[in-house]
Amino acid sequence: MPKAFTSLNRARPRAIGTVLGAVVLSGLYANPGVGQATIPEVATDDQAVVLKASDLGSVLSRLLDEQISSQRLLEGGDVFSVTMLNRTAPTATIHGTLSDLYVIQDGSATLVTGGSLVDPRPASRPGDQQGRSIRGGAAQIVREGDVVFIPPGMVRGFRDLGDSRSITHLNIHFPWRK
């Protein structure tokens, strides 16, 4: 059994269950792109969804084994999304209206928050931007099991990927109001 899968199932199910179990979602149906895992794609307001640790482990293994950068797990339109991301290169972004909640699944990296984007350019969502890197900001190492909250409007990104040369995390987007 891959280390990442074993670790996810034994060491981290409480953190994952706490974070995702609190989100009331629906639209449960099989996603044929993820082997045997049953992964919801679109949420509605009439059924709760539980993302099982075993299914998350299957997605994690697939991302790592096939060097895939992301797998959307649950879509909530403009309200939220849950995606597993596998980063293999530095990142630098800012979200205009969405918060990020990261649940680190595998690997480690230096997370930089705050500061400013170098060479900012528009990203896919209105108000979002990407940059070549981050100037300034606060840096800290994050690793498997850590949970990170980043409010909208704050620059964020990974650099100095650890020994595995990647970091994989659940990325939960949602709006946040002060």
N, C-alpha and C. Protein backbone atom coordinates (compact mmCIF):
# COMPACT_ATOMS: atom_id res chain seq x y z
N MET A 1 0.85 -1.17 0.00
CA MET A 1 0.00 0.00 0.00
C MET A 1 0.90 1.24 0.00
N PRO A 2 0.65 2.22 -0.87
CA PRO A 2 1.49 3.41 -0.93
C PRO A 2 1.50 4.15 0.41
N LYS A 3 2.65 4.70 0.79
CA LYS A 3 2.79 5.43 2.04
C LYS A 3 1.72 6.50 2.18
N ALA A 4 1.48 7.26 1.11
CA ALA A 4 0.51 8.35 1.18
C ALA A 4 -0.88 7.82 1.51
N PHE A 5 -1.26 6.69 0.92
CA PHE A 5 -2.58 6.11 1.17
C PHE A 5 -2.68 5.64 2.61
N THR A 6 -1.65 4.91 3.09
CA THR A 6 -1.64 4.42 4.46
C THR A 6 -1.71 5.58 5.43
N SER A 7 -0.90 6.59 5.20
CA SER A 7 -0.88 7.75 6.07
C SER A 7 -2.23 8.45 6.10
N LEU A 8 -2.83 8.62 4.95
CA LEU A 8 -4.11 9.31 4.87
C LEU A 8 -5.17 8.56 5.65
N ASN A 9 -5.18 7.23 5.53
CA ASN A 9 -6.23 6.45 6.18
C ASN A 9 -6.02 6.28 7.68
N ARG A 10 -4.77 6.22 8.14
CA ARG A 10 -4.55 5.98 9.55
C ARG A 10 -4.30 7.25 10.35
N ALA A 11 -3.54 8.17 9.79
CA ALA A 11 -3.10 9.31 10.57
C ALA A 11 -3.99 10.54 10.45
N ARG A 12 -4.73 10.69 9.36
CA ARG A 12 -5.41 11.96 9.13
C ARG A 12 -6.92 11.90 8.95
N PRO A 13 -7.61 10.77 9.14
CA PRO A 13 -9.04 10.79 8.83
C PRO A 13 -9.84 11.74 9.72
N ARG A 14 -9.43 11.94 10.97
CA ARG A 14 -10.18 12.83 11.85
C ARG A 14 -10.13 14.27 11.32
N ALA A 15 -8.94 14.74 10.90
CA ALA A 15 -8.83 16.11 10.38
C ALA A 15 -9.64 16.28 9.11
N ILE A 16 -9.57 15.30 8.23
CA ILE A 16 -10.31 15.39 6.98
C ILE A 16 -11.81 15.34 7.26
N GLY A 17 -12.22 14.41 8.12
CA GLY A 17 -13.64 14.28 8.44
C GLY A 17 -14.19 15.52 9.12
N THR A 18 -13.40 16.12 10.00
CA THR A 18 -13.86 17.33 10.68
C THR A 18 -14.07 18.46 9.70
N VAL A 19 -13.10 18.67 8.82
CA VAL A 19 -13.19 19.77 7.86
C VAL A 19 -14.30 19.53 6.86
N LEU A 20 -14.33 18.36 6.23
CA LEU A 20 -15.29 18.11 5.17
C LEU A 20 -16.65 17.65 5.69
N GLY A 21 -16.68 16.99 6.83
CA GLY A 21 -17.94 16.50 7.37
C GLY A 21 -18.87 17.62 7.78
N ALA A 22 -18.32 18.79 8.05
CA ALA A 22 -19.14 19.92 8.46
C ALA A 22 -19.82 20.60 7.27
N VAL A 23 -19.38 20.30 6.06
CA VAL A 23 -19.93 20.93 4.87
C VAL A 23 -21.11 20.09 4.39
N VAL A 24 -22.31 20.64 4.34
CA VAL A 24 -23.49 19.91 3.90
C VAL A 24 -23.65 20.11 2.40
N LEU A 25 -23.49 19.01 1.66
CA LEU A 25 -23.43 19.05 0.21
C LEU A 25 -24.21 17.87 -0.37
N SER A 26 -24.29 17.79 -1.73
CA SER A 26 -24.92 16.62 -2.32
C SER A 26 -24.47 16.38 -3.74
N GLY A 27 -25.23 15.54 -4.46
CA GLY A 27 -24.91 15.23 -5.84
C GLY A 27 -24.02 14.02 -5.95
N LEU A 28 -24.21 13.01 -5.13
CA LEU A 28 -23.33 11.86 -5.09
C LEU A 28 -23.54 10.95 -6.28
N TYR A 29 -22.49 10.78 -7.10
CA TYR A 29 -22.51 9.82 -8.18
C TYR A 29 -21.10 9.46 -8.56
N ALA A 30 -20.94 8.37 -9.26
CA ALA A 30 -19.60 7.87 -9.58
C ALA A 30 -18.92 8.77 -10.60
N ASN A 31 -17.63 8.95 -10.42
CA ASN A 31 -16.79 9.68 -11.35
C ASN A 31 -15.87 8.66 -12.02
N PRO A 32 -16.12 8.28 -13.26
CA PRO A 32 -15.36 7.21 -13.87
C PRO A 32 -13.88 7.51 -14.02
N GLY A 33 -13.44 8.75 -13.91
CA GLY A 33 -12.03 9.08 -14.05
C GLY A 33 -11.22 8.78 -12.81
N VAL A 34 -11.82 8.25 -11.74
CA VAL A 34 -11.11 8.02 -10.50
C VAL A 34 -11.22 6.56 -10.09
N GLY A 35 -11.04 5.63 -11.00
CA GLY A 35 -11.06 4.22 -10.66
C GLY A 35 -12.35 3.82 -9.99
N GLN A 36 -12.24 3.16 -8.84
CA GLN A 36 -13.40 2.68 -8.12
C GLN A 36 -13.95 3.70 -7.13
N ALA A 37 -13.28 4.82 -6.95
CA ALA A 37 -13.72 5.81 -5.97
C ALA A 37 -15.04 6.44 -6.40
N THR A 38 -15.94 6.63 -5.44
CA THR A 38 -17.18 7.34 -5.70
C THR A 38 -16.96 8.77 -5.23
N ILE A 39 -16.82 9.67 -6.18
CA ILE A 39 -16.52 11.06 -5.86
C ILE A 39 -17.64 11.94 -6.42
N PRO A 40 -18.29 12.74 -5.57
CA PRO A 40 -19.31 13.64 -6.08
C PRO A 40 -18.68 14.75 -6.90
N GLU A 41 -19.42 15.31 -7.82
CA GLU A 41 -18.92 16.40 -8.61
C GLU A 41 -19.72 17.67 -8.44
N VAL A 42 -21.05 17.57 -8.32
CA VAL A 42 -21.89 18.75 -8.22
C VAL A 42 -22.75 18.64 -6.97
N ALA A 43 -22.77 19.67 -6.15
CA ALA A 43 -23.55 19.67 -4.92
C ALA A 43 -24.92 20.29 -5.16
N THR A 44 -25.90 19.79 -4.44
CA THR A 44 -27.23 20.40 -4.40
C THR A 44 -27.57 20.62 -2.94
N ASP A 45 -28.75 21.15 -2.68
CA ASP A 45 -29.09 21.49 -1.30
C ASP A 45 -30.01 20.48 -0.61
N ASP A 46 -30.09 19.24 -1.13
CA ASP A 46 -31.02 18.29 -0.52
C ASP A 46 -30.38 17.01 0.01
N GLN A 47 -29.06 16.93 0.05
CA GLN A 47 -28.41 15.72 0.55
C GLN A 47 -27.01 16.03 1.03
N ALA A 48 -26.63 15.45 2.16
CA ALA A 48 -25.27 15.60 2.67
C ALA A 48 -24.35 14.64 1.92
N VAL A 49 -23.09 15.01 1.81
CA VAL A 49 -22.09 14.17 1.16
C VAL A 49 -20.93 13.96 2.12
N VAL A 50 -20.48 12.73 2.19
CA VAL A 50 -19.28 12.41 2.95
C VAL A 50 -18.22 11.98 1.95
N LEU A 51 -17.09 12.65 1.97
CA LEU A 51 -15.95 12.24 1.14
C LEU A 51 -15.13 11.27 1.99
N LYS A 52 -15.25 9.99 1.69
CA LYS A 52 -14.61 8.94 2.48
C LYS A 52 -13.09 9.01 2.38
N ALA A 53 -12.41 8.73 3.47
CA ALA A 53 -10.95 8.72 3.48
C ALA A 53 -10.39 7.76 2.43
N SER A 54 -11.07 6.63 2.22
CA SER A 54 -10.58 5.67 1.23
C SER A 54 -10.67 6.25 -0.18
N ASP A 55 -11.74 7.00 -0.47
CA ASP A 55 -11.86 7.64 -1.78
C ASP A 55 -10.83 8.74 -1.95
N LEU A 56 -10.62 9.53 -0.89
CA LEU A 56 -9.60 10.57 -0.95
C LEU A 56 -8.21 9.95 -1.14
N GLY A 57 -7.98 8.82 -0.49
CA GLY A 57 -6.71 8.11 -0.67
C GLY A 57 -6.52 7.64 -2.09
N SER A 58 -7.59 7.18 -2.73
CA SER A 58 -7.51 6.75 -4.13
C SER A 58 -7.18 7.92 -5.04
N VAL A 59 -7.80 9.07 -4.79
CA VAL A 59 -7.52 10.26 -5.59
C VAL A 59 -6.07 10.69 -5.36
N LEU A 60 -5.63 10.71 -4.12
CA LEU A 60 -4.25 11.09 -3.80
C LEU A 60 -3.26 10.17 -4.52
N SER A 61 -3.48 8.88 -4.45
CA SER A 61 -2.59 7.92 -5.12
C SER A 61 -2.57 8.16 -6.62
N ARG A 62 -3.73 8.41 -7.20
CA ARG A 62 -3.81 8.64 -8.65
C ARG A 62 -3.04 9.90 -9.04
N LEU A 63 -3.21 10.98 -8.29
CA LEU A 63 -2.50 12.22 -8.60
C LEU A 63 -0.99 12.00 -8.54
N LEU A 64 -0.53 11.31 -7.50
CA LEU A 64 0.91 11.10 -7.34
C LEU A 64 1.45 10.11 -8.38
N ASP A 65 0.75 9.01 -8.57
CA ASP A 65 1.23 7.98 -9.51
C ASP A 65 1.23 8.45 -10.96
N GLU A 66 0.20 9.18 -11.35
CA GLU A 66 0.06 9.61 -12.74
C GLU A 66 0.53 11.04 -12.97
N GLN A 67 1.07 11.67 -11.93
CA GLN A 67 1.55 13.05 -12.01
C GLN A 67 0.49 14.00 -12.57
N ILE A 68 -0.70 13.89 -12.01
CA ILE A 68 -1.83 14.74 -12.40
C ILE A 68 -1.85 15.93 -11.43
N SER A 69 -2.18 17.11 -11.92
CA SER A 69 -2.10 18.30 -11.07
C SER A 69 -3.34 18.53 -10.21
N SER A 70 -4.52 18.06 -10.64
CA SER A 70 -5.70 18.32 -9.82
C SER A 70 -6.85 17.37 -10.14
N GLN A 71 -7.74 17.22 -9.17
CA GLN A 71 -8.98 16.47 -9.34
C GLN A 71 -10.06 17.19 -8.54
N ARG A 72 -11.07 17.72 -9.23
CA ARG A 72 -12.19 18.36 -8.55
C ARG A 72 -12.99 17.26 -7.87
N LEU A 73 -13.29 17.45 -6.60
CA LEU A 73 -14.04 16.47 -5.83
C LEU A 73 -15.49 16.88 -5.65
N LEU A 74 -15.72 18.17 -5.50
CA LEU A 74 -17.08 18.63 -5.27
C LEU A 74 -17.20 20.07 -5.75
N GLU A 75 -18.23 20.34 -6.52
CA GLU A 75 -18.44 21.67 -7.09
C GLU A 75 -19.70 22.28 -6.50
N GLY A 76 -19.57 23.48 -5.99
CA GLY A 76 -20.70 24.20 -5.43
C GLY A 76 -20.93 25.53 -6.11
N GLY A 77 -20.66 25.61 -7.41
CA GLY A 77 -20.88 26.84 -8.16
C GLY A 77 -20.05 27.98 -7.63
N ASP A 78 -20.70 29.14 -7.42
CA ASP A 78 -20.00 30.31 -6.91
C ASP A 78 -19.82 30.28 -5.40
N VAL A 79 -20.36 29.26 -4.73
CA VAL A 79 -20.35 29.22 -3.28
C VAL A 79 -19.10 28.52 -2.73
N PHE A 80 -18.70 27.40 -3.30
CA PHE A 80 -17.54 26.67 -2.79
C PHE A 80 -17.07 25.66 -3.84
N SER A 81 -15.89 25.12 -3.60
CA SER A 81 -15.41 23.96 -4.35
C SER A 81 -14.42 23.21 -3.48
N VAL A 82 -14.28 21.91 -3.74
CA VAL A 82 -13.30 21.08 -3.06
C VAL A 82 -12.50 20.37 -4.16
N THR A 83 -11.20 20.60 -4.16
CA THR A 83 -10.31 20.04 -5.18
C THR A 83 -9.07 19.49 -4.49
N MET A 84 -8.54 18.37 -4.99
CA MET A 84 -7.25 17.91 -4.52
C MET A 84 -6.22 18.37 -5.56
N LEU A 85 -5.20 19.09 -5.09
CA LEU A 85 -4.17 19.65 -5.96
C LEU A 85 -2.82 19.04 -5.65
N ASN A 86 -2.06 18.75 -6.69
CA ASN A 86 -0.69 18.26 -6.55
C ASN A 86 0.23 19.29 -7.19
N ARG A 87 0.96 20.04 -6.38
CA ARG A 87 1.84 21.10 -6.87
C ARG A 87 3.27 20.58 -6.99
N THR A 88 3.85 20.77 -8.18
CA THR A 88 5.23 20.32 -8.41
C THR A 88 6.15 21.48 -8.78
N ALA A 89 5.62 22.70 -8.75
CA ALA A 89 6.40 23.90 -9.06
C ALA A 89 5.89 25.03 -8.15
N PRO A 90 6.70 26.04 -7.94
CA PRO A 90 6.25 27.17 -7.11
C PRO A 90 4.98 27.80 -7.65
N THR A 91 4.17 28.36 -6.74
CA THR A 91 2.92 29.02 -7.11
C THR A 91 2.89 30.42 -6.49
N ALA A 92 2.09 31.31 -7.04
CA ALA A 92 1.90 32.66 -6.50
C ALA A 92 0.55 33.16 -7.00
N THR A 93 -0.44 33.25 -6.11
CA THR A 93 -1.79 33.66 -6.51
C THR A 93 -2.42 34.54 -5.45
N ILE A 94 -3.53 35.14 -5.84
CA ILE A 94 -4.38 35.89 -4.92
C ILE A 94 -5.82 35.71 -5.40
N HIS A 95 -6.73 35.47 -4.46
CA HIS A 95 -8.15 35.36 -4.78
C HIS A 95 -8.85 36.63 -4.34
N GLY A 96 -9.66 37.18 -5.23
CA GLY A 96 -10.36 38.41 -4.92
C GLY A 96 -11.46 38.24 -3.90
N THR A 97 -12.25 37.17 -3.99
CA THR A 97 -13.40 37.02 -3.10
C THR A 97 -13.47 35.67 -2.40
N LEU A 98 -12.59 34.74 -2.71
CA LEU A 98 -12.66 33.41 -2.12
C LEU A 98 -11.56 33.18 -1.09
N SER A 99 -11.93 32.51 -0.02
CA SER A 99 -10.97 32.04 0.97
C SER A 99 -10.46 30.68 0.53
N ASP A 100 -9.29 30.31 1.01
CA ASP A 100 -8.74 28.97 0.81
C ASP A 100 -8.60 28.28 2.14
N LEU A 101 -8.96 27.01 2.18
CA LEU A 101 -8.66 26.15 3.30
C LEU A 101 -7.87 24.99 2.71
N TYR A 102 -6.63 24.84 3.12
CA TYR A 102 -5.78 23.75 2.63
C TYR A 102 -5.69 22.69 3.72
N VAL A 103 -5.85 21.43 3.33
CA VAL A 103 -5.58 20.30 4.21
C VAL A 103 -4.46 19.53 3.52
N ILE A 104 -3.25 19.65 4.06
CA ILE A 104 -2.07 19.06 3.40
C ILE A 104 -2.15 17.54 3.52
N GLN A 105 -2.10 16.87 2.37
CA GLN A 105 -2.24 15.41 2.30
C GLN A 105 -0.91 14.68 2.17
N ASP A 106 0.06 15.30 1.48
CA ASP A 106 1.32 14.60 1.21
C ASP A 106 2.39 15.64 0.89
N GLY A 107 3.62 15.38 1.31
CA GLY A 107 4.73 16.26 1.00
C GLY A 107 4.83 17.44 1.94
N SER A 108 5.73 18.34 1.60
CA SER A 108 5.93 19.56 2.37
C SER A 108 6.43 20.65 1.45
N ALA A 109 6.30 21.89 1.90
CA ALA A 109 6.77 23.04 1.12
C ALA A 109 6.80 24.24 2.04
N THR A 110 7.42 25.30 1.56
CA THR A 110 7.35 26.57 2.26
C THR A 110 6.13 27.31 1.71
N LEU A 111 5.22 27.67 2.61
CA LEU A 111 4.04 28.45 2.26
C LEU A 111 4.36 29.91 2.53
N VAL A 112 4.15 30.75 1.54
CA VAL A 112 4.35 32.18 1.71
C VAL A 112 2.98 32.85 1.63
N THR A 113 2.66 33.68 2.63
CA THR A 113 1.40 34.42 2.64
C THR A 113 1.70 35.90 2.87
N GLY A 114 0.90 36.75 2.24
CA GLY A 114 1.13 38.19 2.33
C GLY A 114 2.13 38.63 1.27
N GLY A 115 2.59 39.83 1.39
CA GLY A 115 3.51 40.36 0.39
C GLY A 115 2.76 40.77 -0.87
N SER A 116 3.45 40.74 -2.00
CA SER A 116 2.83 41.15 -3.27
C SER A 116 3.28 40.23 -4.39
N LEU A 117 2.44 40.11 -5.42
CA LEU A 117 2.76 39.29 -6.58
C LEU A 117 3.79 39.99 -7.45
N VAL A 118 4.73 39.22 -7.98
CA VAL A 118 5.68 39.72 -8.96
C VAL A 118 5.10 39.43 -10.34
N ASP A 119 5.01 40.44 -11.19
CA ASP A 119 4.42 40.33 -12.53
C ASP A 119 3.00 39.77 -12.50
N PRO A 120 2.08 40.43 -11.78
CA PRO A 120 0.70 39.91 -11.70
C PRO A 120 -0.01 39.94 -13.04
N ARG A 121 -0.87 38.94 -13.24
CA ARG A 121 -1.71 38.86 -14.44
C ARG A 121 -3.03 38.22 -14.03
N PRO A 122 -4.09 38.49 -14.77
CA PRO A 122 -5.40 37.93 -14.41
C PRO A 122 -5.37 36.40 -14.42
N ALA A 123 -6.13 35.81 -13.51
CA ALA A 123 -6.29 34.35 -13.46
C ALA A 123 -7.69 34.00 -13.96
N SER A 124 -8.12 32.78 -13.75
CA SER A 124 -9.36 32.30 -14.36
C SER A 124 -10.63 32.95 -13.80
N ARG A 125 -10.69 33.26 -12.51
CA ARG A 125 -11.89 33.88 -11.93
C ARG A 125 -11.73 35.40 -11.89
N PRO A 126 -12.83 36.13 -12.04
CA PRO A 126 -12.76 37.59 -11.90
C PRO A 126 -12.19 37.97 -10.53
N GLY A 127 -11.25 38.89 -10.50
CA GLY A 127 -10.64 39.33 -9.25
C GLY A 127 -9.44 38.52 -8.82
N ASP A 128 -9.22 37.34 -9.42
CA ASP A 128 -8.07 36.51 -9.08
C ASP A 128 -6.87 36.92 -9.94
N GLN A 129 -5.68 36.73 -9.39
CA GLN A 129 -4.45 37.00 -10.14
C GLN A 129 -3.42 35.93 -9.85
N GLN A 130 -2.51 35.75 -10.79
CA GLN A 130 -1.34 34.88 -10.63
C GLN A 130 -0.11 35.74 -10.85
N GLY A 131 1.00 35.29 -10.30
CA GLY A 131 2.26 35.99 -10.51
C GLY A 131 3.39 35.03 -10.69
N ARG A 132 4.54 35.58 -11.05
CA ARG A 132 5.74 34.76 -11.24
C ARG A 132 6.29 34.27 -9.90
N SER A 133 6.16 35.12 -8.87
CA SER A 133 6.62 34.78 -7.52
C SER A 133 6.00 35.78 -6.55
N ILE A 134 6.44 35.71 -5.29
CA ILE A 134 5.93 36.59 -4.25
C ILE A 134 7.08 37.41 -3.68
N ARG A 135 6.88 38.72 -3.59
CA ARG A 135 7.85 39.62 -2.97
C ARG A 135 7.40 39.86 -1.54
N GLY A 136 8.28 39.58 -0.60
CA GLY A 136 7.95 39.77 0.82
C GLY A 136 7.06 38.66 1.33
N GLY A 137 6.24 38.97 2.32
CA GLY A 137 5.34 37.98 2.90
C GLY A 137 5.98 37.21 4.03
N ALA A 138 5.18 36.38 4.66
CA ALA A 138 5.63 35.52 5.77
C ALA A 138 5.77 34.09 5.26
N ALA A 139 6.89 33.46 5.56
CA ALA A 139 7.15 32.10 5.10
C ALA A 139 7.13 31.12 6.27
N GLN A 140 6.50 29.96 6.03
CA GLN A 140 6.52 28.89 7.03
C GLN A 140 6.40 27.55 6.33
N ILE A 141 6.99 26.54 6.90
CA ILE A 141 6.93 25.20 6.32
C ILE A 141 5.61 24.55 6.72
N VAL A 142 4.93 23.96 5.73
CA VAL A 142 3.72 23.17 5.99
C VAL A 142 3.97 21.76 5.50
N ARG A 143 3.34 20.82 6.16
CA ARG A 143 3.53 19.40 5.81
C ARG A 143 2.24 18.63 6.06
N GLU A 144 2.29 17.38 5.67
CA GLU A 144 1.14 16.49 5.79
C GLU A 144 0.45 16.62 7.15
N GLY A 145 -0.88 16.81 7.10
CA GLY A 145 -1.68 16.93 8.31
C GLY A 145 -1.98 18.36 8.71
N ASP A 146 -1.20 19.33 8.20
CA ASP A 146 -1.45 20.73 8.54
C ASP A 146 -2.71 21.22 7.83
N VAL A 147 -3.41 22.14 8.48
CA VAL A 147 -4.59 22.79 7.91
C VAL A 147 -4.29 24.29 7.90
N VAL A 148 -4.51 24.92 6.74
CA VAL A 148 -4.17 26.33 6.56
C VAL A 148 -5.42 27.09 6.10
N PHE A 149 -5.71 28.22 6.72
CA PHE A 149 -6.78 29.11 6.27
C PHE A 149 -6.15 30.38 5.72
N ILE A 150 -6.58 30.80 4.52
CA ILE A 150 -6.09 32.03 3.91
C ILE A 150 -7.30 32.84 3.46
N PRO A 151 -7.45 34.07 3.99
CA PRO A 151 -8.60 34.90 3.61
C PRO A 151 -8.46 35.45 2.19
N PRO A 152 -9.57 35.88 1.60
CA PRO A 152 -9.50 36.48 0.27
C PRO A 152 -8.65 37.76 0.32
N GLY A 153 -8.03 38.08 -0.81
CA GLY A 153 -7.22 39.29 -0.90
C GLY A 153 -5.80 39.13 -0.41
N MET A 154 -5.44 37.97 0.13
CA MET A 154 -4.08 37.73 0.62
C MET A 154 -3.30 36.92 -0.40
N VAL A 155 -2.13 37.40 -0.76
CA VAL A 155 -1.25 36.65 -1.64
C VAL A 155 -0.85 35.36 -0.94
N ARG A 156 -0.77 34.28 -1.73
CA ARG A 156 -0.37 32.99 -1.18
C ARG A 156 0.35 32.19 -2.24
N GLY A 157 1.24 31.31 -1.79
CA GLY A 157 1.92 30.44 -2.75
C GLY A 157 2.88 29.51 -2.05
N PHE A 158 3.28 28.47 -2.79
CA PHE A 158 4.25 27.51 -2.30
C PHE A 158 5.59 27.72 -3.01
N ARG A 159 6.67 27.50 -2.29
CA ARG A 159 8.01 27.47 -2.86
C ARG A 159 8.81 26.45 -2.07
N ASP A 160 10.02 26.20 -2.50
CA ASP A 160 10.91 25.26 -1.80
C ASP A 160 10.19 23.96 -1.46
N LEU A 161 9.75 23.25 -2.49
CA LEU A 161 9.06 21.98 -2.28
C LEU A 161 10.02 21.02 -1.61
N GLY A 162 9.51 20.20 -0.69
CA GLY A 162 10.34 19.32 0.12
C GLY A 162 11.00 18.19 -0.66
N ASP A 163 11.45 17.19 0.07
CA ASP A 163 12.17 16.06 -0.52
C ASP A 163 11.36 15.35 -1.60
N SER A 164 10.05 15.32 -1.47
CA SER A 164 9.22 14.63 -2.46
C SER A 164 9.07 15.45 -3.74
N ARG A 165 9.53 16.71 -3.72
CA ARG A 165 9.46 17.62 -4.87
C ARG A 165 8.02 17.97 -5.24
N SER A 166 7.07 17.73 -4.33
CA SER A 166 5.68 18.11 -4.57
C SER A 166 4.97 18.26 -3.23
N ILE A 167 3.84 18.94 -3.28
CA ILE A 167 2.95 19.01 -2.13
C ILE A 167 1.54 18.81 -2.66
N THR A 168 0.79 17.94 -1.99
CA THR A 168 -0.58 17.64 -2.40
C THR A 168 -1.51 18.03 -1.26
N HIS A 169 -2.58 18.76 -1.62
CA HIS A 169 -3.48 19.23 -0.57
C HIS A 169 -4.91 19.31 -1.09
N LEU A 170 -5.84 19.12 -0.15
CA LEU A 170 -7.23 19.45 -0.44
C LEU A 170 -7.30 20.96 -0.43
N ASN A 171 -7.94 21.53 -1.41
CA ASN A 171 -8.11 22.97 -1.49
C ASN A 171 -9.61 23.24 -1.48
N ILE A 172 -10.08 23.86 -0.41
CA ILE A 172 -11.49 24.17 -0.26
C ILE A 172 -11.65 25.67 -0.42
N HIS A 173 -12.35 26.08 -1.49
CA HIS A 173 -12.64 27.50 -1.74
C HIS A 173 -14.03 27.83 -1.23
N PHE A 174 -14.16 28.98 -0.59
CA PHE A 174 -15.47 29.44 -0.15
C PHE A 174 -15.40 30.94 0.08
N PRO A 175 -16.52 31.64 -0.09
CA PRO A 175 -16.52 33.08 0.17
C PRO A 175 -16.44 33.35 1.69
N TRP A 176 -15.83 34.45 2.03
CA TRP A 176 -15.72 34.82 3.44
C TRP A 176 -16.00 36.31 3.55
N ARG A 177 -16.85 36.64 4.48
CA ARG A 177 -17.18 38.05 4.69
C ARG A 177 -16.71 38.47 6.08
N LYS A 178 -16.20 39.68 6.16
CA LYS A 178 -15.76 40.20 7.47
C LYS A 178 -16.94 40.66 8.27
